[in-house]
């Protein structure tokens, strides 16, 4: 493969491999809620990027990671404290473009919204969601301004933009005016650890946790997760033996959630686990009666796929990308309709035939999503970005 553009003016005919610099500073080095969402997507794509078709990768991170030590991939860590937003912004606007020039990179991939203002080579951008535009009042003013202005600039200047759902693709086009022809959808996959477990293993886990039968929510505690609506619906269920378990760390503006639990008299039936280690999460899915995702907005809604891959029924809001994640395997409801949600939850919990049908449909649906495909499709985007440059030059 001959590349037609480089960072240091290298002769075109001398370039034999495309060298991509990847900003992966949102990979979390320690357990906690930051290991959800973006961390999982970035980590899995990096694990599955192909290295046998003319591609080399230089991955810039805050912390070293074992899965980055493979052929065709070079990991570059830093002493900068980029887990802090301000330090990360300065790093990606100054150190990263300098590193790109010094290492002779041909393409930069920002795995989280923003590319350098001054870059020695073209860029690809991944945008997970535009919640800061849909719900601007839920973000501090400075953060909202930075994300809005810099994501718009980065998307408009990028050779290609990656979104993780068709809903996100349409958002980037609508809000930023980026042509749909320059936006690629690379949906998440499902890790093989998410699968049905033997009944005895699940029963032992359920007894160990002591919650009995429970409904499950997985996600950071923050406003767009719409958890107060879930609590209101749960309070209406005529099943006093059912518990509600919420897995996820505290994000922001979560005080209303705990207040609503008190007001509804649910303190004995609602349980907050905080962050749960990745390897334990499949057991929580397996042991649950169902997973419920009432979010008013999601970039994709990966917990829906993970639950389905474990054979767990899913009830989700019919908002943003969630219908894409759920497909025809789950039940949908209007995110503001408490009564409809309560009806859906009751239907699954009281109807074994419906529950069994949803389990079968969910397993088939989740099997269509692969991290290997996500890695391969990301590499295709890199090559398309460079091919676009060659056409522009020609």
Protein backbone atom coordinates (compact mmCIF):
# COMPACT_ATOMS: atom_id res chain seq x y z
CA UNK A 1 0.00 0.00 0.00
CA UNK A 2 1.44 3.39 -1.01
CA UNK A 3 0.39 6.41 1.06
CA UNK A 4 0.16 9.74 -0.74
CA UNK A 5 0.55 12.07 2.22
CA UNK A 6 2.94 12.34 5.20
CA UNK A 7 3.69 14.52 8.18
CA UNK A 8 7.26 15.49 7.28
CA UNK A 9 7.10 15.70 3.52
CA UNK A 10 8.46 12.18 3.08
CA UNK A 11 8.58 11.11 -0.52
CA UNK A 12 5.32 9.39 -1.41
CA UNK A 13 6.89 6.40 -3.07
CA UNK A 14 8.96 5.73 0.08
CA UNK A 15 5.92 5.37 2.35
CA UNK A 16 5.04 1.71 2.64
CA UNK A 17 2.81 1.63 5.71
CA UNK A 18 0.16 3.95 7.08
CA UNK A 19 1.22 5.11 10.55
CA UNK A 20 -1.74 6.19 12.65
CA UNK A 21 -1.38 8.09 15.92
CA UNK A 22 -4.24 7.36 18.31
CA UNK A 23 -5.11 9.53 21.29
CA UNK A 24 -6.31 7.03 23.90
CA UNK A 25 -5.90 9.16 27.02
CA UNK A 26 -9.46 8.41 28.13
CA UNK A 27 -8.42 4.83 28.85
CA UNK A 28 -8.70 4.58 32.61
CA UNK A 29 -5.81 3.09 34.54
CA UNK A 30 -7.79 2.23 37.66
CA UNK A 31 -11.11 0.71 38.62
CA UNK A 32 -14.02 3.10 38.78
CA UNK A 33 -16.93 4.51 36.83
CA UNK A 34 -14.53 6.02 34.27
CA UNK A 35 -13.85 2.49 33.03
CA UNK A 36 -17.34 2.41 31.56
CA UNK A 37 -18.53 3.85 28.27
CA UNK A 38 -15.74 5.48 26.28
CA UNK A 39 -13.01 3.51 28.05
CA UNK A 40 -14.59 0.20 27.05
CA UNK A 41 -15.14 1.23 23.44
CA UNK A 42 -11.59 2.55 22.98
CA UNK A 43 -10.00 -0.43 24.70
CA UNK A 44 -11.90 -2.96 22.61
CA UNK A 45 -11.27 -1.21 19.30
CA UNK A 46 -7.55 -1.02 20.09
CA UNK A 47 -7.51 -4.72 20.94
CA UNK A 48 -9.06 -5.57 17.58
CA UNK A 49 -7.39 -3.19 15.14
CA UNK A 50 -5.87 -5.27 12.31
CA UNK A 51 -2.11 -5.05 11.93
CA UNK A 52 -1.64 -7.13 8.79
CA UNK A 53 -2.88 -4.83 6.04
CA UNK A 54 -0.36 -2.02 5.80
CA UNK A 55 -1.23 -0.32 9.10
CA UNK A 56 0.93 0.61 12.08
CA UNK A 57 -0.34 2.30 15.22
CA UNK A 58 1.22 4.60 17.77
CA UNK A 59 -1.13 4.72 20.76
CA UNK A 60 -0.75 7.62 23.20
CA UNK A 61 -2.01 6.89 26.71
CA UNK A 62 -1.68 8.08 30.28
CA UNK A 63 -1.12 4.56 31.60
CA UNK A 64 0.50 1.47 30.15
CA UNK A 65 -1.82 -1.38 29.18
CA UNK A 66 -0.86 -4.99 28.43
CA UNK A 67 -3.26 -5.28 25.48
CA UNK A 68 -1.34 -2.54 23.64
CA UNK A 69 1.80 -4.67 23.56
CA UNK A 70 1.31 -6.43 20.25
CA UNK A 71 2.83 -6.51 16.81
CA UNK A 72 2.28 -3.39 14.75
CA UNK A 73 1.36 -1.28 17.78
CA UNK A 74 3.58 1.04 19.81
CA UNK A 75 2.31 2.41 23.13
CA UNK A 76 3.55 5.81 24.32
CA UNK A 77 2.68 6.75 27.91
CA UNK A 78 3.16 10.12 29.56
CA UNK A 79 3.80 11.60 32.98
CA UNK A 80 1.25 14.33 32.29
CA UNK A 81 -1.77 13.94 34.64
CA UNK A 82 -4.21 13.69 31.73
CA UNK A 83 -6.91 12.07 33.85
CA UNK A 84 -7.55 15.73 34.73
CA UNK A 85 -9.47 17.52 31.98
CA UNK A 86 -7.31 20.67 31.85
CA UNK A 87 -4.06 18.72 31.56
CA UNK A 88 -5.55 16.47 28.89
CA UNK A 89 -6.67 19.46 26.81
CA UNK A 90 -3.21 21.05 26.96
CA UNK A 91 -1.55 17.72 26.09
CA UNK A 92 -3.73 17.06 23.04
CA UNK A 93 -3.27 20.61 21.73
CA UNK A 94 0.52 20.84 22.22
CA UNK A 95 2.34 17.58 22.95
CA UNK A 96 0.32 15.36 20.64
CA UNK A 97 0.86 17.35 17.40
CA UNK A 98 4.55 17.68 18.26
CA UNK A 99 4.77 13.90 18.78
CA UNK A 100 2.97 13.37 15.47
CA UNK A 101 5.54 15.50 13.67
CA UNK A 102 8.51 13.90 15.47
CA UNK A 103 7.33 10.35 14.82
CA UNK A 104 6.37 10.94 11.19
CA UNK A 105 2.72 9.99 11.55
CA UNK A 106 0.41 10.11 8.56
CA UNK A 107 -2.95 10.33 10.31
CA UNK A 108 -4.24 11.20 13.79
CA UNK A 109 -7.26 9.59 15.40
CA UNK A 110 -8.89 11.44 18.27
CA UNK A 111 -10.94 8.82 20.06
CA UNK A 112 -12.91 11.45 21.99
CA UNK A 113 -14.35 14.45 20.17
CA UNK A 114 -11.46 16.92 19.78
CA UNK A 115 -8.43 17.07 17.45
CA UNK A 116 -5.44 19.44 17.69
CA UNK A 117 -6.04 22.94 16.39
CA UNK A 118 -2.69 22.82 14.59
CA UNK A 119 -1.84 19.37 13.29
CA UNK A 120 0.94 18.26 10.94
CA UNK A 121 -1.34 15.65 9.36
CA UNK A 122 -5.05 14.87 8.75
CA UNK A 123 -7.38 13.63 11.47
CA UNK A 124 -10.19 11.20 12.15
CA UNK A 125 -12.58 11.98 15.01
CA UNK A 126 -14.82 9.68 17.07
CA UNK A 127 -17.97 11.26 18.50
CA UNK A 128 -19.89 9.11 20.98
CA UNK A 129 -22.83 11.41 21.64
CA UNK A 130 -23.82 15.06 21.58
CA UNK A 131 -25.45 15.19 25.01
CA UNK A 132 -23.86 18.59 25.63
CA UNK A 133 -26.01 19.94 22.77
CA UNK A 134 -29.17 18.02 23.60
CA UNK A 135 -29.00 18.92 27.31
CA UNK A 136 -26.82 22.03 27.60
CA UNK A 137 -28.21 22.94 31.03
CA UNK A 138 -26.79 19.69 32.46
CA UNK A 139 -23.17 20.76 31.79
CA UNK A 140 -21.02 23.45 33.42
CA UNK A 141 -20.83 26.47 31.11
CA UNK A 142 -17.08 26.20 30.46
CA UNK A 143 -17.24 22.48 29.67
CA UNK A 144 -20.26 22.98 27.40
CA UNK A 145 -18.53 25.79 25.50
CA UNK A 146 -15.33 23.79 25.03
CA UNK A 147 -17.08 20.61 23.87
CA UNK A 148 -19.44 22.45 21.53
CA UNK A 149 -16.90 24.72 19.87
CA UNK A 150 -14.05 22.24 19.63
CA UNK A 151 -16.11 19.24 18.57
CA UNK A 152 -17.72 21.35 15.84
CA UNK A 153 -14.31 22.56 14.63
CA UNK A 154 -12.79 19.08 14.78
CA UNK A 155 -15.65 17.38 12.94
CA UNK A 156 -15.74 19.96 10.18
CA UNK A 157 -12.00 19.72 9.57
CA UNK A 158 -11.62 15.96 9.97
CA UNK A 159 -11.16 13.73 6.93
CA UNK A 160 -13.64 11.25 8.45
CA UNK A 161 -15.92 11.28 11.50
CA UNK A 162 -16.80 8.05 13.34
CA UNK A 163 -20.03 7.72 15.33
CA UNK A 164 -21.22 4.65 17.21
CA UNK A 165 -24.82 4.69 15.98
CA UNK A 166 -26.88 5.92 13.07
CA UNK A 167 -28.63 8.25 15.50
CA UNK A 168 -25.24 9.80 16.33
CA UNK A 169 -24.39 10.06 12.64
CA UNK A 170 -27.55 12.05 11.99
CA UNK A 171 -26.80 14.27 15.01
CA UNK A 172 -23.33 15.18 13.75
CA UNK A 173 -24.79 16.00 10.35
CA UNK A 174 -27.66 18.06 11.79
CA UNK A 175 -25.74 20.03 14.43
CA UNK A 176 -22.41 20.54 12.66
CA UNK A 177 -23.31 20.36 8.99
CA UNK A 178 -20.84 17.56 8.25
CA UNK A 179 -21.87 15.73 5.04
CA UNK A 180 -23.25 12.27 5.73
CA UNK A 181 -20.79 10.93 3.17
CA UNK A 182 -17.93 11.79 5.57
CA UNK A 183 -19.48 10.13 8.63
CA UNK A 184 -18.98 6.43 9.33
CA UNK A 185 -20.88 4.33 11.87
CA UNK A 186 -18.77 1.81 13.81
CA UNK A 187 -21.09 0.18 16.34
CA UNK A 188 -19.77 -1.50 19.50
CA UNK A 189 -19.37 -5.23 19.87
CA UNK A 190 -19.95 -7.61 22.76
CA UNK A 191 -17.08 -9.21 24.65
CA UNK A 192 -17.17 -13.00 24.80
CA UNK A 193 -17.34 -12.92 28.61
CA UNK A 194 -20.98 -11.81 28.26
CA UNK A 195 -22.78 -15.13 27.88
CA UNK A 196 -25.33 -17.29 29.70
CA UNK A 197 -23.82 -18.87 32.81
CA UNK A 198 -24.78 -22.26 34.30
CA UNK A 199 -27.85 -22.12 36.54
CA UNK A 200 -25.95 -23.27 39.61
CA UNK A 201 -23.37 -20.51 39.17
CA UNK A 202 -26.08 -17.86 38.83
CA UNK A 203 -28.03 -19.17 41.84
CA UNK A 204 -24.89 -19.16 43.97
CA UNK A 205 -24.13 -15.58 42.95
CA UNK A 206 -27.71 -14.46 43.66
CA UNK A 207 -27.60 -16.07 47.11
CA UNK A 208 -24.22 -14.50 47.83
CA UNK A 209 -25.52 -10.99 47.05
CA UNK A 210 -28.73 -11.55 48.97
CA UNK A 211 -31.01 -9.45 46.76
CA UNK A 212 -33.31 -12.26 45.64
CA UNK A 213 -35.15 -11.43 42.41
CA UNK A 214 -34.09 -8.06 41.06
CA UNK A 215 -34.35 -5.68 38.14
CA UNK A 216 -31.06 -4.19 36.95
CA UNK A 217 -29.86 -0.81 35.70
CA UNK A 218 -26.27 -0.32 34.53
CA UNK A 219 -24.96 3.20 33.98
CA UNK A 220 -23.35 6.21 35.62
CA UNK A 221 -25.69 8.15 37.90
CA UNK A 222 -26.38 11.31 35.92
CA UNK A 223 -29.46 13.19 34.68
CA UNK A 224 -29.82 11.79 31.16
CA UNK A 225 -30.05 8.25 32.53
CA UNK A 226 -33.58 9.20 33.63
CA UNK A 227 -33.37 7.13 36.82
CA UNK A 228 -36.12 9.06 38.69
CA UNK A 229 -38.61 7.81 36.08
CA UNK A 230 -37.39 4.26 36.68
CA UNK A 231 -37.85 4.69 40.43
CA UNK A 232 -41.39 6.00 39.97
CA UNK A 233 -42.28 3.02 37.76
CA UNK A 234 -40.64 0.53 40.10
CA UNK A 235 -42.65 1.92 43.02
CA UNK A 236 -45.85 1.01 41.13
CA UNK A 237 -44.99 -2.66 40.73
CA UNK A 238 -47.18 -4.96 42.82
CA UNK A 239 -44.20 -7.24 43.53
CA UNK A 240 -42.79 -6.53 47.00
CA UNK A 241 -40.31 -9.40 46.60
CA UNK A 242 -38.57 -7.61 43.70
CA UNK A 243 -35.52 -5.40 44.25
CA UNK A 244 -33.94 -2.84 41.98
CA UNK A 245 -30.15 -2.85 41.66
CA UNK A 246 -28.35 0.14 40.14
CA UNK A 247 -24.76 -0.49 39.06
CA UNK A 248 -22.60 2.52 38.30
CA UNK A 249 -20.56 5.27 39.88
CA UNK A 250 -21.76 8.74 40.82
CA UNK A 251 -21.48 11.10 37.88
CA UNK A 252 -23.08 14.51 38.45
CA UNK A 253 -26.42 15.95 39.61
CA UNK A 254 -27.25 12.60 41.19
CA UNK A 255 -28.67 13.95 44.47
CA UNK A 256 -32.23 13.83 43.11
CA UNK A 257 -31.93 10.07 42.66
CA UNK A 258 -31.21 9.38 46.32
CA UNK A 259 -33.86 11.89 47.40
CA UNK A 260 -36.48 10.17 45.23
CA UNK A 261 -35.67 6.77 46.78
CA UNK A 262 -36.39 8.28 50.21
CA UNK A 263 -39.59 10.00 49.12
CA UNK A 264 -40.97 6.85 47.49
CA UNK A 265 -40.15 4.72 50.53
CA UNK A 266 -37.86 2.41 48.55
CA UNK A 267 -34.79 2.39 50.75
CA UNK A 268 -35.19 -1.33 51.53
CA UNK A 269 -35.77 -2.35 47.92
CA UNK A 270 -33.35 -0.18 45.91
CA UNK A 271 -29.65 -0.96 46.09
CA UNK A 272 -26.70 1.05 44.76
CA UNK A 273 -23.59 -1.05 44.17
CA UNK A 274 -21.29 1.68 42.88
CA UNK A 275 -18.67 0.57 40.38
CA UNK A 276 -18.61 -3.18 39.64
CA UNK A 277 -15.45 -4.87 38.23
CA UNK A 278 -15.72 -5.81 34.57
CA UNK A 279 -15.30 -9.52 35.25
CA UNK A 280 -18.23 -9.53 37.72
CA UNK A 281 -20.71 -7.71 35.50
CA UNK A 282 -21.80 -10.77 33.45
CA UNK A 283 -22.98 -12.43 36.67
CA UNK A 284 -25.11 -9.40 37.55
CA UNK A 285 -26.73 -9.58 34.12
CA UNK A 286 -27.28 -13.33 34.34
CA UNK A 287 -28.93 -13.13 37.75
CA UNK A 288 -31.29 -10.25 36.87
CA UNK A 289 -34.93 -10.66 35.89
CA UNK A 290 -34.37 -7.99 33.25
CA UNK A 291 -32.27 -4.95 32.40
CA UNK A 292 -33.99 -1.59 32.13
CA UNK A 293 -32.51 1.43 30.35
CA UNK A 294 -34.80 4.46 30.70
CA UNK A 295 -32.28 6.99 29.32
CA UNK A 296 -33.55 10.02 27.46
CA UNK A 297 -30.35 9.99 25.41
CA UNK A 298 -27.58 7.47 24.69
CA UNK A 299 -24.74 7.36 22.20
CA UNK A 300 -25.50 3.66 21.79
CA UNK A 301 -26.57 1.80 24.94
CA UNK A 302 -24.01 -1.01 25.21
CA UNK A 303 -25.50 -2.51 28.42
CA UNK A 304 -28.50 -3.57 26.34
CA UNK A 305 -26.30 -5.77 24.15
CA UNK A 306 -24.31 -7.10 27.09
CA UNK A 307 -27.50 -8.11 28.89
CA UNK A 308 -28.95 -9.76 25.80
CA UNK A 309 -25.73 -11.70 25.26
CA UNK A 310 -26.22 -13.08 28.79
CA UNK A 311 -29.79 -14.11 27.98
CA UNK A 312 -31.39 -11.30 30.00
CA UNK A 313 -34.53 -9.51 28.68
CA UNK A 314 -34.22 -5.77 28.05
CA UNK A 315 -36.72 -2.94 28.48
CA UNK A 316 -35.48 0.40 27.10
CA UNK A 317 -36.63 3.88 26.22
CA UNK A 318 -37.47 4.53 22.58
CA UNK A 319 -35.09 7.50 22.47
CA UNK A 320 -31.97 8.39 20.48
CA UNK A 321 -29.92 5.27 19.63
CA UNK A 322 -31.56 2.80 22.02
CA UNK A 323 -33.92 1.33 19.39
CA UNK A 324 -30.83 0.51 17.32
CA UNK A 325 -29.18 -1.25 20.25
CA UNK A 326 -32.30 -3.16 21.25
CA UNK A 327 -33.61 -4.04 17.78
CA UNK A 328 -36.71 -6.24 17.83
CA UNK A 329 -35.47 -8.23 20.83
CA UNK A 330 -36.57 -5.89 23.63
CA UNK A 331 -39.55 -3.83 24.74
CA UNK A 332 -39.54 -0.06 24.26
CA UNK A 333 -41.40 2.72 26.07
CA UNK A 334 -41.64 6.51 25.96
CA UNK A 335 -38.97 7.81 28.37
CA UNK A 336 -41.37 10.22 30.11
CA UNK A 337 -44.22 7.72 30.51
CA UNK A 338 -44.00 6.19 33.99
CA UNK A 339 -47.17 4.13 33.53
CA UNK A 340 -45.94 2.59 30.27
CA UNK A 341 -42.62 1.65 31.83
CA UNK A 342 -44.37 0.06 34.82
CA UNK A 343 -46.54 -1.90 32.39
CA UNK A 344 -43.51 -3.17 30.46
CA UNK A 345 -41.70 -4.23 33.64
CA UNK A 346 -44.79 -6.03 34.93
CA UNK A 347 -45.29 -7.82 31.60
CA UNK A 348 -41.80 -9.31 31.59
CA UNK A 349 -41.79 -10.24 35.28
CA UNK A 350 -45.26 -11.88 35.19
CA UNK A 351 -45.17 -13.59 31.81
CA UNK A 352 -42.66 -16.48 31.58
CA UNK A 353 -43.48 -17.05 27.91
CA UNK A 354 -42.72 -13.44 27.01
CA UNK A 355 -39.55 -13.51 29.06
CA UNK A 356 -38.36 -16.71 27.35
CA UNK A 357 -39.12 -15.28 23.91
CA UNK A 358 -37.16 -12.10 24.71
CA UNK A 359 -34.20 -14.15 25.95
CA UNK A 360 -34.04 -16.10 22.69
CA UNK A 361 -34.42 -13.00 20.52
CA UNK A 362 -31.84 -11.13 22.59
CA UNK A 363 -29.20 -13.85 22.25
CA UNK A 364 -29.65 -13.86 18.46
CA UNK A 365 -29.57 -10.07 18.27
CA UNK A 366 -26.43 -9.66 20.40
CA UNK A 367 -24.59 -12.28 18.33
CA UNK A 368 -24.63 -9.85 15.38
CA UNK A 369 -22.30 -7.37 17.15
CA UNK A 370 -18.56 -8.01 17.09
CA UNK A 371 -15.57 -6.07 18.41
CA UNK A 372 -13.48 -7.73 15.72
CA UNK A 373 -15.71 -6.12 13.12
CA UNK A 374 -15.50 -2.77 14.94
CA UNK A 375 -11.70 -2.90 14.81
CA UNK A 376 -11.69 -3.86 11.15
CA UNK A 377 -14.18 -1.13 10.23
CA UNK A 378 -12.11 1.47 12.11
CA UNK A 379 -9.07 0.51 10.05
CA UNK A 380 -11.14 0.90 6.89
CA UNK A 381 -11.98 4.44 8.00
CA UNK A 382 -8.25 5.21 8.35
CA UNK A 383 -7.57 4.05 4.82
CA UNK A 384 -10.58 5.94 3.48
CA UNK A 385 -9.30 9.11 5.15
CA UNK A 386 -5.94 8.79 3.45
CA UNK A 387 -7.53 7.86 0.13
CA UNK A 388 -9.59 11.07 0.36
CA UNK A 389 -6.35 13.01 0.67
CA UNK A 390 -4.92 11.31 -2.38
CA UNK A 391 -8.01 12.24 -4.40
CA UNK A 392 -7.76 15.86 -3.23
CA UNK A 393 -4.11 15.97 -4.31
CA UNK A 394 -4.81 14.29 -7.62
